[in-house]
Amino acid sequence: MKVSDLTKWGIPQRIIEVWQKRQGESLLPVQIKAIRKGLLGLKEDSVESSKVNMLISAPTSAGKSFCAEMAAVKALTEQKKSILLFPLRSLAEENFRLIESAYGPLGVKSIIVTSDHPENDQLFREGKYDMAVAVYEKFDLLLTTALDSLANIGLVVIDEIQTIGEPGRGALLERLLTKVIGSDYKPVLVCLSAVIGDSAASAG
């Protein structure tokens, strides 16, 4: 499967061109598997679109992050916002810079929400963004004070989902997941996990 094939899933040509410059023409195996299982809302050879929650487990550099990026762009084509969550501020900063450089020139409004960027807290609460990059704690706080903010969020990406097994931050991650899953809005969840061994994408 090639990047140019993603027009079949409703990805605009101008996005395809950005991806081709960054990724090349060929998709990686974990990306192809995730798309075929419904990452972009339509399983391969299916005519009926459906929301698919997904856990993508793969070693570092296998292409998990681009899976999340593709899903976020797909949400944008459906006029839905995306939240990309990271356990550490350094990871959030790195991914925000990538997203802003790729999609800012196309008019996509991205913000980063960490303790280092308090100027974006109000924008986050009011939903004045297309893509938001945040640390777990900020999203948990948003859900605590304004659960209805999920109404316009089509996708929640959780990077390093294996953090859920760690003391402290794991309990926070479990709490925010419970809020999202138990809400009336049901945004799509895409969870990323680094593993040792074969890559996998499982949908549910």
C-alpha atoms as a PDB file:
ATOM      1  CA  MET A   1       0.000   0.000   0.000  1.00  0.00           C
ATOM      2  CA  LYS A   2       1.254   3.452  -0.938  1.00  0.00           C
ATOM      3  CA  VAL A   3       0.639   6.880   0.563  1.00  0.00           C
ATOM      4  CA  SER A   4      -1.111   7.926  -2.655  1.00  0.00           C
ATOM      5  CA  ASP A   5      -3.653   5.125  -2.106  1.00  0.00           C
ATOM      6  CA  LEU A   6      -4.995   6.960   0.963  1.00  0.00           C
ATOM      7  CA  THR A   7      -7.208   9.146  -1.200  1.00  0.00           C
ATOM      8  CA  LYS A   8      -9.553   6.120  -1.122  1.00  0.00           C
ATOM      9  CA  TRP A   9     -10.041   6.849   2.577  1.00  0.00           C
ATOM     10  CA  GLY A  10     -10.926  10.491   1.992  1.00  0.00           C
ATOM     11  CA  ILE A  11      -7.507  12.016   2.693  1.00  0.00           C
ATOM     12  CA  PRO A  12      -7.148  15.272   0.693  1.00  0.00           C
ATOM     13  CA  GLN A  13      -4.504  15.428  -2.018  1.00  0.00           C
ATOM     14  CA  ARG A  14      -2.674  18.339  -0.375  1.00  0.00           C
ATOM     15  CA  ILE A  15      -2.215  16.199   2.748  1.00  0.00           C
ATOM     16  CA  ILE A  16      -1.058  13.264   0.639  1.00  0.00           C
ATOM     17  CA  GLU A  17       1.647  15.502  -0.834  1.00  0.00           C
ATOM     18  CA  VAL A  18       2.845  16.564   2.624  1.00  0.00           C
ATOM     19  CA  TRP A  19       3.031  12.936   3.705  1.00  0.00           C
ATOM     20  CA  GLN A  20       4.883  11.876   0.560  1.00  0.00           C
ATOM     21  CA  LYS A  21       7.563  14.489   1.183  1.00  0.00           C
ATOM     22  CA  ARG A  22       7.990  13.382   4.796  1.00  0.00           C
ATOM     23  CA  GLN A  23       7.401   9.632   4.623  1.00  0.00           C
ATOM     24  CA  GLY A  24       8.174   8.725   1.046  1.00  0.00           C
ATOM     25  CA  GLU A  25       5.662   6.805  -1.053  1.00  0.00           C
ATOM     26  CA  SER A  26       5.567   3.490   0.796  1.00  0.00           C
ATOM     27  CA  LEU A  27       3.783   2.879   4.075  1.00  0.00           C
ATOM     28  CA  LEU A  28       5.362   0.672   6.746  1.00  0.00           C
ATOM     29  CA  PRO A  29       3.861  -2.732   7.644  1.00  0.00           C
ATOM     30  CA  VAL A  30       2.324  -1.609  10.957  1.00  0.00           C
ATOM     31  CA  GLN A  31       0.710   1.359   9.190  1.00  0.00           C
ATOM     32  CA  ILE A  32      -0.755  -0.832   6.459  1.00  0.00           C
ATOM     33  CA  LYS A  33      -2.106  -3.289   9.018  1.00  0.00           C
ATOM     34  CA  ALA A  34      -3.719  -0.506  11.061  1.00  0.00           C
ATOM     35  CA  ILE A  35      -5.372   1.019   7.993  1.00  0.00           C
ATOM     36  CA  ARG A  36      -6.740  -2.348   6.895  1.00  0.00           C
ATOM     37  CA  LYS A  37      -8.222  -2.838  10.369  1.00  0.00           C
ATOM     38  CA  GLY A  38     -10.048   0.494  10.205  1.00  0.00           C
ATOM     39  CA  LEU A  39      -7.650   3.192  11.438  1.00  0.00           C
ATOM     40  CA  LEU A  40      -9.124   5.632   8.931  1.00  0.00           C
ATOM     41  CA  GLY A  41     -12.724   4.668   9.659  1.00  0.00           C
ATOM     42  CA  LEU A  42     -13.198   2.245   6.799  1.00  0.00           C
ATOM     43  CA  LYS A  43     -11.784  -1.270   6.726  1.00  0.00           C
ATOM     44  CA  GLU A  44     -10.201  -2.346   3.475  1.00  0.00           C
ATOM     45  CA  ASP A  45     -12.746  -3.794   1.010  1.00  0.00           C
ATOM     46  CA  SER A  46     -15.599  -2.477   3.177  1.00  0.00           C
ATOM     47  CA  VAL A  47     -18.205   0.049   2.062  1.00  0.00           C
ATOM     48  CA  GLU A  48     -19.487   0.887   5.520  1.00  0.00           C
ATOM     49  CA  SER A  49     -17.590   3.347   7.688  1.00  0.00           C
ATOM     50  CA  SER A  50     -17.436   2.744  11.424  1.00  0.00           C
ATOM     51  CA  LYS A  51     -15.569   3.994  14.461  1.00  0.00           C
ATOM     52  CA  VAL A  52     -12.822   1.600  15.499  1.00  0.00           C
ATOM     53  CA  ASN A  53     -10.847   1.851  18.717  1.00  0.00           C
ATOM     54  CA  MET A  54      -7.349   0.536  18.241  1.00  0.00           C
ATOM     55  CA  LEU A  55      -4.262  -0.549  20.146  1.00  0.00           C
ATOM     56  CA  ILE A  56      -1.092  -0.350  18.074  1.00  0.00           C
ATOM     57  CA  SER A  57       1.889  -2.154  19.574  1.00  0.00           C
ATOM     58  CA  ALA A  58       5.229  -1.973  17.821  1.00  0.00           C
ATOM     59  CA  PRO A  59       8.909  -1.392  18.546  1.00  0.00           C
ATOM     60  CA  THR A  60      10.357   2.112  18.450  1.00  0.00           C
ATOM     61  CA  SER A  61      10.678   3.503  14.894  1.00  0.00           C
ATOM     62  CA  ALA A  62       8.159   1.014  13.480  1.00  0.00           C
ATOM     63  CA  GLY A  63       5.796   3.817  12.447  1.00  0.00           C
ATOM     64  CA  LYS A  64       3.251   4.034  15.282  1.00  0.00           C
ATOM     65  CA  SER A  65       3.340   7.821  15.522  1.00  0.00           C
ATOM     66  CA  PHE A  66       2.413   8.255  11.881  1.00  0.00           C
ATOM     67  CA  CYS A  67      -0.583   5.965  12.437  1.00  0.00           C
ATOM     68  CA  ALA A  68      -1.828   8.425  15.053  1.00  0.00           C
ATOM     69  CA  GLU A  69      -1.144  11.335  12.736  1.00  0.00           C
ATOM     70  CA  MET A  70      -3.144   9.753   9.914  1.00  0.00           C
ATOM     71  CA  ALA A  71      -6.068   9.160  12.257  1.00  0.00           C
ATOM     72  CA  ALA A  72      -5.926  12.773  13.460  1.00  0.00           C
ATOM     73  CA  VAL A  73      -6.048  14.094   9.913  1.00  0.00           C
ATOM     74  CA  LYS A  74      -8.964  11.796   9.121  1.00  0.00           C
ATOM     75  CA  ALA A  75     -10.826  13.247  12.109  1.00  0.00           C
ATOM     76  CA  LEU A  76     -10.181  16.736  10.740  1.00  0.00           C
ATOM     77  CA  THR A  77     -11.786  15.779   7.417  1.00  0.00           C
ATOM     78  CA  GLU A  78     -14.903  14.964   9.464  1.00  0.00           C
ATOM     79  CA  GLN A  79     -14.811  18.370  11.240  1.00  0.00           C
ATOM     80  CA  LYS A  80     -13.737  16.752  14.508  1.00  0.00           C
ATOM     81  CA  LYS A  81     -10.923  17.759  16.824  1.00  0.00           C
ATOM     82  CA  SER A  82      -8.079  15.500  17.886  1.00  0.00           C
ATOM     83  CA  ILE A  83      -6.213  15.230  21.168  1.00  0.00           C
ATOM     84  CA  LEU A  84      -2.779  13.602  21.229  1.00  0.00           C
ATOM     85  CA  LEU A  85      -1.699  12.698  24.756  1.00  0.00           C
ATOM     86  CA  PHE A  86       1.820  12.053  26.027  1.00  0.00           C
ATOM     87  CA  PRO A  87       3.173  11.160  29.462  1.00  0.00           C
ATOM     88  CA  LEU A  88       6.069  13.636  29.311  1.00  0.00           C
ATOM     89  CA  ARG A  89       6.394  17.296  28.377  1.00  0.00           C
ATOM     90  CA  SER A  90       9.470  16.550  26.261  1.00  0.00           C
ATOM     91  CA  LEU A  91       7.492  14.095  24.116  1.00  0.00           C
ATOM     92  CA  ALA A  92       4.646  16.581  23.805  1.00  0.00           C
ATOM     93  CA  GLU A  93       7.025  19.328  22.670  1.00  0.00           C
ATOM     94  CA  GLU A  94       8.680  17.105  20.084  1.00  0.00           C
ATOM     95  CA  ASN A  95       5.397  15.978  18.575  1.00  0.00           C
ATOM     96  CA  PHE A  96       3.885  19.447  18.632  1.00  0.00           C
ATOM     97  CA  ARG A  97       6.774  20.843  16.609  1.00  0.00           C
ATOM     98  CA  LEU A  98       6.296  18.103  14.022  1.00  0.00           C
ATOM     99  CA  ILE A  99       2.537  18.661  13.754  1.00  0.00           C
ATOM    100  CA  GLU A 100       2.819  22.444  13.617  1.00  0.00           C
ATOM    101  CA  SER A 101       5.466  22.368  10.884  1.00  0.00           C
ATOM    102  CA  ALA A 102       3.509  19.848   8.794  1.00  0.00           C
ATOM    103  CA  TYR A 103      -0.022  21.207   9.101  1.00  0.00           C
ATOM    104  CA  GLY A 104       0.289  24.829  10.209  1.00  0.00           C
ATOM    105  CA  PRO A 105       0.970  25.973   6.623  1.00  0.00           C
ATOM    106  CA  LEU A 106      -2.283  24.239   5.590  1.00  0.00           C
ATOM    107  CA  GLY A 107      -4.320  26.283   8.065  1.00  0.00           C
ATOM    108  CA  VAL A 108      -4.625  23.645  10.788  1.00  0.00           C
ATOM    109  CA  LYS A 109      -4.653  25.266  14.242  1.00  0.00           C
ATOM    110  CA  SER A 110      -2.547  23.242  16.647  1.00  0.00           C
ATOM    111  CA  ILE A 111      -1.810  23.986  20.287  1.00  0.00           C
ATOM    112  CA  ILE A 112       0.348  22.428  22.977  1.00  0.00           C
ATOM    113  CA  VAL A 113      -0.989  22.173  26.502  1.00  0.00           C
ATOM    114  CA  THR A 114       1.558  21.645  29.255  1.00  0.00           C
ATOM    115  CA  SER A 115       2.636  23.585  32.333  1.00  0.00           C
ATOM    116  CA  ASP A 116       5.209  25.318  30.107  1.00  0.00           C
ATOM    117  CA  HIS A 117       2.447  26.831  27.955  1.00  0.00           C
ATOM    118  CA  PRO A 118      -0.227  28.293  30.278  1.00  0.00           C
ATOM    119  CA  GLU A 119      -1.241  30.708  27.510  1.00  0.00           C
ATOM    120  CA  ASN A 120      -2.974  27.804  25.755  1.00  0.00           C
ATOM    121  CA  ASP A 121      -5.054  26.575  28.705  1.00  0.00           C
ATOM    122  CA  GLN A 122      -8.074  28.711  27.840  1.00  0.00           C
ATOM    123  CA  LEU A 123      -7.931  27.776  24.161  1.00  0.00           C
ATOM    124  CA  PHE A 124      -7.893  24.151  25.251  1.00  0.00           C
ATOM    125  CA  ARG A 125     -10.888  24.545  27.555  1.00  0.00           C
ATOM    126  CA  GLU A 126     -12.864  26.435  24.885  1.00  0.00           C
ATOM    127  CA  GLY A 127     -12.004  24.007  22.091  1.00  0.00           C
ATOM    128  CA  LYS A 128     -10.314  26.664  19.955  1.00  0.00           C
ATOM    129  CA  TYR A 129      -7.992  24.315  18.096  1.00  0.00           C
ATOM    130  CA  ASP A 130      -8.007  21.560  15.475  1.00  0.00           C
ATOM    131  CA  MET A 131      -5.294  19.382  17.002  1.00  0.00           C
ATOM    132  CA  ALA A 132      -4.126  19.609  20.597  1.00  0.00           C
ATOM    133  CA  VAL A 133      -0.992  18.014  21.974  1.00  0.00           C
ATOM    134  CA  ALA A 134      -1.172  17.602  25.739  1.00  0.00           C
ATOM    135  CA  VAL A 135       0.201  15.687  28.700  1.00  0.00           C
ATOM    136  CA  TYR A 136      -2.073  13.258  30.501  1.00  0.00           C
ATOM    137  CA  GLU A 137      -2.574  15.567  33.486  1.00  0.00           C
ATOM    138  CA  LYS A 138      -3.945  18.452  31.419  1.00  0.00           C
ATOM    139  CA  PHE A 139      -6.513  16.311  29.637  1.00  0.00           C
ATOM    140  CA  ASP A 140      -7.609  14.726  32.899  1.00  0.00           C
ATOM    141  CA  LEU A 141      -8.141  18.203  34.343  1.00  0.00           C
ATOM    142  CA  LEU A 142     -10.159  19.261  31.290  1.00  0.00           C
ATOM    143  CA  LEU A 143     -12.415  16.228  31.630  1.00  0.00           C
ATOM    144  CA  THR A 144     -12.858  16.909  35.337  1.00  0.00           C
ATOM    145  CA  THR A 145     -14.013  20.483  34.753  1.00  0.00           C
ATOM    146  CA  ALA A 146     -15.692  20.161  31.344  1.00  0.00           C
ATOM    147  CA  LEU A 147     -16.579  16.604  30.319  1.00  0.00           C
ATOM    148  CA  ASP A 148     -18.854  17.975  27.580  1.00  0.00           C
ATOM    149  CA  SER A 149     -15.744  19.173  25.753  1.00  0.00           C
ATOM    150  CA  LEU A 150     -15.657  15.632  24.352  1.00  0.00           C
ATOM    151  CA  ALA A 151     -18.662  16.491  22.176  1.00  0.00           C
ATOM    152  CA  ASN A 152     -16.461  17.937  19.412  1.00  0.00           C
ATOM    153  CA  ILE A 153     -13.485  15.638  19.883  1.00  0.00           C
ATOM    154  CA  GLY A 154     -13.429  12.845  17.327  1.00  0.00           C
ATOM    155  CA  LEU A 155     -10.149  11.218  18.296  1.00  0.00           C
ATOM    156  CA  VAL A 156      -8.081  10.713  21.433  1.00  0.00           C
ATOM    157  CA  VAL A 157      -4.572   9.331  20.895  1.00  0.00           C
ATOM    158  CA  ILE A 158      -2.778   7.980  23.946  1.00  0.00           C
ATOM    159  CA  ASP A 159       0.936   7.495  23.474  1.00  0.00           C
ATOM    160  CA  GLU A 160       2.836   5.128  25.771  1.00  0.00           C
ATOM    161  CA  ILE A 161      -0.363   3.395  26.928  1.00  0.00           C
ATOM    162  CA  GLN A 162       1.793   0.902  28.830  1.00  0.00           C
ATOM    163  CA  THR A 163       2.229   3.726  31.359  1.00  0.00           C
ATOM    164  CA  ILE A 164      -1.096   2.589  32.784  1.00  0.00           C
ATOM    165  CA  GLY A 165       0.793  -0.090  34.694  1.00  0.00           C
ATOM    166  CA  GLU A 166       3.078   2.371  36.468  1.00  0.00           C
ATOM    167  CA  PRO A 167       2.471   3.720  39.987  1.00  0.00           C
ATOM    168  CA  GLY A 168       1.150   7.273  40.154  1.00  0.00           C
ATOM    169  CA  ARG A 169       0.741   8.261  36.516  1.00  0.00           C
ATOM    170  CA  GLY A 170      -0.893   4.915  35.732  1.00  0.00           C
ATOM    171  CA  ALA A 171      -3.817   5.659  38.052  1.00  0.00           C
ATOM    172  CA  LEU A 172      -4.289   9.061  36.405  1.00  0.00           C
ATOM    173  CA  LEU A 173      -4.294   7.508  32.933  1.00  0.00           C
ATOM    174  CA  GLU A 174      -6.797   4.871  34.024  1.00  0.00           C
ATOM    175  CA  ARG A 175      -9.039   7.600  35.442  1.00  0.00           C
ATOM    176  CA  LEU A 176      -9.071   9.697  32.287  1.00  0.00           C
ATOM    177  CA  LEU A 177      -9.707   6.621  30.142  1.00  0.00           C
ATOM    178  CA  THR A 178     -12.661   5.739  32.333  1.00  0.00           C
ATOM    179  CA  LYS A 179     -14.064   9.235  31.835  1.00  0.00           C
ATOM    180  CA  VAL A 180     -13.710   9.042  28.058  1.00  0.00           C
ATOM    181  CA  ILE A 181     -15.127   5.534  27.703  1.00  0.00           C
ATOM    182  CA  GLY A 182     -17.956   6.217  30.138  1.00  0.00           C
ATOM    183  CA  SER A 183     -19.017   9.469  28.481  1.00  0.00           C
ATOM    184  CA  ASP A 184     -21.931   9.839  26.077  1.00  0.00           C
ATOM    185  CA  TYR A 185     -19.667  11.043  23.263  1.00  0.00           C
ATOM    186  CA  LYS A 186     -17.444   8.028  22.521  1.00  0.00           C
ATOM    187  CA  PRO A 187     -14.527   9.556  20.569  1.00  0.00           C
ATOM    188  CA  VAL A 188     -12.305   7.061  18.802  1.00  0.00           C
ATOM    189  CA  LEU A 189      -9.380   5.873  20.919  1.00  0.00           C
ATOM    190  CA  VAL A 190      -6.030   5.047  19.334  1.00  0.00           C
ATOM    191  CA  CYS A 191      -3.513   3.768  21.882  1.00  0.00           C
ATOM    192  CA  LEU A 192       0.177   3.347  21.107  1.00  0.00           C
ATOM    193  CA  SER A 193       2.515   1.006  22.940  1.00  0.00           C
ATOM    194  CA  ALA A 194       6.176   0.149  22.502  1.00  0.00           C
ATOM    195  CA  VAL A 195       6.817  -3.587  22.661  1.00  0.00           C
ATOM    196  CA  ILE A 196       9.590  -6.042  21.944  1.00  0.00           C
ATOM    197  CA  GLY A 197       8.727  -8.442  19.153  1.00  0.00           C
ATOM    198  CA  ASP A 198       6.401  -8.406  16.179  1.00  0.00           C
ATOM    199  CA  SER A 199       4.315  -5.347  15.492  1.00  0.00           C
ATOM    200  CA  ALA A 200       0.575  -5.587  15.818  1.00  0.00           C
ATOM    201  CA  ALA A 201      -2.552  -3.538  15.411  1.00  0.00           C
ATOM    202  CA  SER A 202      -5.682  -4.778  17.115  1.00  0.00           C
ATOM    203  CA  ALA A 203      -9.084  -3.199  16.763  1.00  0.00           C
ATOM    204  CA  GLY A 204     -12.032  -3.311  19.056  1.00  0.00           C
END
